[in-house]
């Protein structure tokens, strides 16, 4: 979770960090409800296996601000109608990962399926990631510190 900064203030958005994505994305829903400026263009977006998965709906510059710290990152994002299905696909019990206890998570309800508003790709990844990684056992999720939590 982060604040997207716009002309009239901020708006909470759900973010996913994906260093496997070459570029970053924002949904057209966020762009439309906040009346954000966009550059119109249409470029095909390829997914896994090089399959054509979508056309972008333009490009824009966005600023995301941490909900926990006074840190902001500004970057260019392609606009898509939809970034992904709800993530995770099914609810999971966040309490099963005790190694997350006491951490200031960017999304404290990460186990509840919800839509993704912004995908941060490899183009922005080095600007937001910090060196701290918290590991559980080999079959558990890990936590990576970022400017968002």
C-alpha atoms as a PDB file:
ATOM      1  CA  UNK A   1       0.000   0.000   0.000  1.00  0.00           C
ATOM      2  CA  UNK A   2       1.176   3.510  -0.768  1.00  0.00           C
ATOM      3  CA  UNK A   3      -0.177   6.974  -1.446  1.00  0.00           C
ATOM      4  CA  UNK A   4      -0.300   8.105  -5.057  1.00  0.00           C
ATOM      5  CA  UNK A   5       0.356  11.847  -5.032  1.00  0.00           C
ATOM      6  CA  UNK A   6      -1.831  13.977  -7.305  1.00  0.00           C
ATOM      7  CA  UNK A   7      -2.877  17.590  -7.760  1.00  0.00           C
ATOM      8  CA  UNK A   8      -5.572  17.466  -5.061  1.00  0.00           C
ATOM      9  CA  UNK A   9      -3.739  15.399  -2.422  1.00  0.00           C
ATOM     10  CA  UNK A  10      -3.118  11.675  -2.116  1.00  0.00           C
ATOM     11  CA  UNK A  11      -5.024   8.455  -2.767  1.00  0.00           C
ATOM     12  CA  UNK A  12      -4.263   5.019  -1.287  1.00  0.00           C
ATOM     13  CA  UNK A  13      -3.314   2.383  -3.865  1.00  0.00           C
ATOM     14  CA  UNK A  14      -2.304  -1.264  -3.627  1.00  0.00           C
ATOM     15  CA  UNK A  15       1.105  -1.935  -5.107  1.00  0.00           C
ATOM     16  CA  UNK A  16       2.948  -5.079  -6.144  1.00  0.00           C
ATOM     17  CA  UNK A  17       6.703  -5.105  -6.640  1.00  0.00           C
ATOM     18  CA  UNK A  18       7.741  -7.319  -9.571  1.00  0.00           C
ATOM     19  CA  UNK A  19      11.410  -7.074 -10.609  1.00  0.00           C
ATOM     20  CA  UNK A  20      10.619  -9.577 -13.394  1.00  0.00           C
ATOM     21  CA  UNK A  21       8.580  -6.923 -15.191  1.00  0.00           C
ATOM     22  CA  UNK A  22      10.657  -4.663 -17.435  1.00  0.00           C
ATOM     23  CA  UNK A  23       8.395  -1.656 -16.879  1.00  0.00           C
ATOM     24  CA  UNK A  24       5.968  -0.360 -14.261  1.00  0.00           C
ATOM     25  CA  UNK A  25       2.186  -0.157 -14.691  1.00  0.00           C
ATOM     26  CA  UNK A  26      -0.810   1.692 -13.248  1.00  0.00           C
ATOM     27  CA  UNK A  27      -4.467   0.857 -13.868  1.00  0.00           C
ATOM     28  CA  UNK A  28      -6.636   3.093 -16.025  1.00  0.00           C
ATOM     29  CA  UNK A  29      -9.145   3.084 -13.129  1.00  0.00           C
ATOM     30  CA  UNK A  30      -6.687   4.982 -10.902  1.00  0.00           C
ATOM     31  CA  UNK A  31      -5.776   7.373 -13.722  1.00  0.00           C
ATOM     32  CA  UNK A  32      -9.449   8.074 -14.462  1.00  0.00           C
ATOM     33  CA  UNK A  33     -10.737   8.566 -10.894  1.00  0.00           C
ATOM     34  CA  UNK A  34      -7.868  10.919 -10.062  1.00  0.00           C
ATOM     35  CA  UNK A  35      -8.019  12.688 -13.457  1.00  0.00           C
ATOM     36  CA  UNK A  36      -4.277  12.226 -13.909  1.00  0.00           C
ATOM     37  CA  UNK A  37      -2.516  13.470 -17.048  1.00  0.00           C
ATOM     38  CA  UNK A  38      -1.526  10.816 -19.562  1.00  0.00           C
ATOM     39  CA  UNK A  39       0.265  10.608 -22.873  1.00  0.00           C
ATOM     40  CA  UNK A  40      -1.889   8.612 -25.284  1.00  0.00           C
ATOM     41  CA  UNK A  41      -0.224   5.726 -27.085  1.00  0.00           C
ATOM     42  CA  UNK A  42      -0.913   2.068 -27.722  1.00  0.00           C
ATOM     43  CA  UNK A  43       1.887  -0.467 -27.417  1.00  0.00           C
ATOM     44  CA  UNK A  44       1.414  -4.238 -27.093  1.00  0.00           C
ATOM     45  CA  UNK A  45       2.377  -5.757 -23.747  1.00  0.00           C
ATOM     46  CA  UNK A  46       3.817  -9.286 -23.740  1.00  0.00           C
ATOM     47  CA  UNK A  47       3.438 -11.710 -20.863  1.00  0.00           C
ATOM     48  CA  UNK A  48       4.842 -15.091 -19.933  1.00  0.00           C
ATOM     49  CA  UNK A  49       6.130 -17.007 -22.934  1.00  0.00           C
ATOM     50  CA  UNK A  50       6.121 -13.844 -25.037  1.00  0.00           C
ATOM     51  CA  UNK A  51       2.360 -14.044 -25.516  1.00  0.00           C
ATOM     52  CA  UNK A  52       0.615 -10.776 -26.324  1.00  0.00           C
ATOM     53  CA  UNK A  53      -1.509 -10.052 -23.254  1.00  0.00           C
ATOM     54  CA  UNK A  54      -2.719  -6.452 -23.548  1.00  0.00           C
ATOM     55  CA  UNK A  55      -2.235  -3.027 -25.118  1.00  0.00           C
ATOM     56  CA  UNK A  56      -1.256  -0.180 -22.878  1.00  0.00           C
ATOM     57  CA  UNK A  57      -3.688   2.732 -22.657  1.00  0.00           C
ATOM     58  CA  UNK A  58      -1.003   5.395 -22.506  1.00  0.00           C
ATOM     59  CA  UNK A  59       1.861   6.420 -20.277  1.00  0.00           C
ATOM     60  CA  UNK A  60       2.148   8.786 -17.349  1.00  0.00           C
ATOM     61  CA  UNK A  61       4.459   9.938 -14.594  1.00  0.00           C
ATOM     62  CA  UNK A  62       3.327   9.023 -11.089  1.00  0.00           C
ATOM     63  CA  UNK A  63       4.646   9.703  -7.614  1.00  0.00           C
ATOM     64  CA  UNK A  64       4.177   7.128  -4.851  1.00  0.00           C
ATOM     65  CA  UNK A  65       4.660   8.121  -1.218  1.00  0.00           C
ATOM     66  CA  UNK A  66       5.241   5.707   1.626  1.00  0.00           C
ATOM     67  CA  UNK A  67       2.435   5.460   4.166  1.00  0.00           C
ATOM     68  CA  UNK A  68       5.008   5.014   6.966  1.00  0.00           C
ATOM     69  CA  UNK A  69       7.927   7.270   6.061  1.00  0.00           C
ATOM     70  CA  UNK A  70       8.452  10.623   4.376  1.00  0.00           C
ATOM     71  CA  UNK A  71       9.800   8.981   1.212  1.00  0.00           C
ATOM     72  CA  UNK A  72       8.490   9.409  -2.331  1.00  0.00           C
ATOM     73  CA  UNK A  73       9.512   7.865  -5.642  1.00  0.00           C
ATOM     74  CA  UNK A  74       8.514   9.297  -9.015  1.00  0.00           C
ATOM     75  CA  UNK A  75       8.552   7.197 -12.191  1.00  0.00           C
ATOM     76  CA  UNK A  76       6.985   6.593 -15.579  1.00  0.00           C
ATOM     77  CA  UNK A  77       4.255   3.934 -15.766  1.00  0.00           C
ATOM     78  CA  UNK A  78       2.360   2.378 -18.642  1.00  0.00           C
ATOM     79  CA  UNK A  79      -1.419   2.398 -18.200  1.00  0.00           C
ATOM     80  CA  UNK A  80      -3.349  -0.889 -18.401  1.00  0.00           C
ATOM     81  CA  UNK A  81      -7.038  -1.605 -17.914  1.00  0.00           C
ATOM     82  CA  UNK A  82      -6.117  -4.412 -15.504  1.00  0.00           C
ATOM     83  CA  UNK A  83      -2.771  -5.446 -14.023  1.00  0.00           C
ATOM     84  CA  UNK A  84      -3.762  -8.828 -12.606  1.00  0.00           C
ATOM     85  CA  UNK A  85      -6.533 -10.856 -11.059  1.00  0.00           C
ATOM     86  CA  UNK A  86      -7.022 -10.505  -7.305  1.00  0.00           C
ATOM     87  CA  UNK A  87      -3.817 -11.228  -5.374  1.00  0.00           C
ATOM     88  CA  UNK A  88      -3.505 -13.623  -3.635  1.00  0.00           C
ATOM     89  CA  UNK A  89      -5.966 -15.827  -5.508  1.00  0.00           C
ATOM     90  CA  UNK A  90      -7.337 -17.202  -2.212  1.00  0.00           C
ATOM     91  CA  UNK A  91      -7.226 -15.771   1.332  1.00  0.00           C
ATOM     92  CA  UNK A  92      -4.261 -16.900   3.388  1.00  0.00           C
ATOM     93  CA  UNK A  93      -3.692 -16.761   7.111  1.00  0.00           C
ATOM     94  CA  UNK A  94      -1.132 -14.001   7.710  1.00  0.00           C
ATOM     95  CA  UNK A  95      -0.585 -15.179  11.300  1.00  0.00           C
ATOM     96  CA  UNK A  96       1.113 -18.362  10.052  1.00  0.00           C
ATOM     97  CA  UNK A  97       4.241 -16.340   9.304  1.00  0.00           C
ATOM     98  CA  UNK A  98       5.459 -15.422  12.778  1.00  0.00           C
ATOM     99  CA  UNK A  99       8.718 -14.103  11.306  1.00  0.00           C
ATOM    100  CA  UNK A 100       6.642 -11.095  10.123  1.00  0.00           C
ATOM    101  CA  UNK A 101       5.644 -10.209  13.707  1.00  0.00           C
ATOM    102  CA  UNK A 102       6.765  -6.697  14.627  1.00  0.00           C
ATOM    103  CA  UNK A 103       7.517  -5.675  11.033  1.00  0.00           C
ATOM    104  CA  UNK A 104       5.981  -2.514   9.621  1.00  0.00           C
ATOM    105  CA  UNK A 105       4.495  -4.038   6.475  1.00  0.00           C
ATOM    106  CA  UNK A 106       3.480  -1.954   3.479  1.00  0.00           C
ATOM    107  CA  UNK A 107       0.235  -3.977   3.406  1.00  0.00           C
ATOM    108  CA  UNK A 108      -0.782  -5.403   6.778  1.00  0.00           C
ATOM    109  CA  UNK A 109      -3.659  -7.336   5.178  1.00  0.00           C
ATOM    110  CA  UNK A 110      -1.545  -8.845   2.401  1.00  0.00           C
ATOM    111  CA  UNK A 111      -3.315 -12.206   2.735  1.00  0.00           C
ATOM    112  CA  UNK A 112      -6.697 -10.888   1.577  1.00  0.00           C
ATOM    113  CA  UNK A 113      -7.424 -11.101  -2.178  1.00  0.00           C
ATOM    114  CA  UNK A 114      -7.675  -7.623  -3.711  1.00  0.00           C
ATOM    115  CA  UNK A 115      -6.981  -5.921  -7.010  1.00  0.00           C
ATOM    116  CA  UNK A 116      -3.598  -4.370  -7.802  1.00  0.00           C
ATOM    117  CA  UNK A 117      -3.491  -0.668  -8.704  1.00  0.00           C
ATOM    118  CA  UNK A 118       0.232  -0.240  -9.420  1.00  0.00           C
ATOM    119  CA  UNK A 119       2.924  -2.725 -10.446  1.00  0.00           C
ATOM    120  CA  UNK A 120       6.464  -1.549  -9.774  1.00  0.00           C
ATOM    121  CA  UNK A 121       8.848  -3.186 -12.245  1.00  0.00           C
ATOM    122  CA  UNK A 122      12.602  -3.542 -12.705  1.00  0.00           C
ATOM    123  CA  UNK A 123      12.808   0.044 -13.978  1.00  0.00           C
ATOM    124  CA  UNK A 124      12.012   1.365 -10.473  1.00  0.00           C
ATOM    125  CA  UNK A 125      13.046  -1.589  -8.269  1.00  0.00           C
ATOM    126  CA  UNK A 126      16.562  -0.303  -7.374  1.00  0.00           C
ATOM    127  CA  UNK A 127      15.059   3.015  -6.207  1.00  0.00           C
ATOM    128  CA  UNK A 128      12.727   1.452  -3.635  1.00  0.00           C
ATOM    129  CA  UNK A 129      14.449  -1.667  -2.267  1.00  0.00           C
ATOM    130  CA  UNK A 130      16.486  -1.650   0.927  1.00  0.00           C
ATOM    131  CA  UNK A 131      18.986  -4.361   1.944  1.00  0.00           C
ATOM    132  CA  UNK A 132      16.998  -6.006   4.768  1.00  0.00           C
ATOM    133  CA  UNK A 133      15.435  -9.413   4.043  1.00  0.00           C
ATOM    134  CA  UNK A 134      13.537 -11.394   6.689  1.00  0.00           C
ATOM    135  CA  UNK A 135      13.407 -15.141   6.045  1.00  0.00           C
ATOM    136  CA  UNK A 136      11.154 -17.795   7.542  1.00  0.00           C
ATOM    137  CA  UNK A 137      11.643 -21.490   6.941  1.00  0.00           C
ATOM    138  CA  UNK A 138      12.325 -22.717   3.398  1.00  0.00           C
ATOM    139  CA  UNK A 139       8.609 -23.115   2.597  1.00  0.00           C
ATOM    140  CA  UNK A 140       7.528 -19.721   3.970  1.00  0.00           C
ATOM    141  CA  UNK A 141       7.327 -16.291   2.387  1.00  0.00           C
ATOM    142  CA  UNK A 142      10.072 -13.760   2.963  1.00  0.00           C
ATOM    143  CA  UNK A 143       9.826 -10.035   3.641  1.00  0.00           C
ATOM    144  CA  UNK A 144      11.958  -7.543   1.699  1.00  0.00           C
ATOM    145  CA  UNK A 145      12.327  -4.047   3.139  1.00  0.00           C
ATOM    146  CA  UNK A 146      11.361  -1.253   0.756  1.00  0.00           C
ATOM    147  CA  UNK A 147      10.629   2.438   1.160  1.00  0.00           C
ATOM    148  CA  UNK A 148       6.976   1.410   1.584  1.00  0.00           C
ATOM    149  CA  UNK A 149       7.558  -0.987   4.494  1.00  0.00           C
END
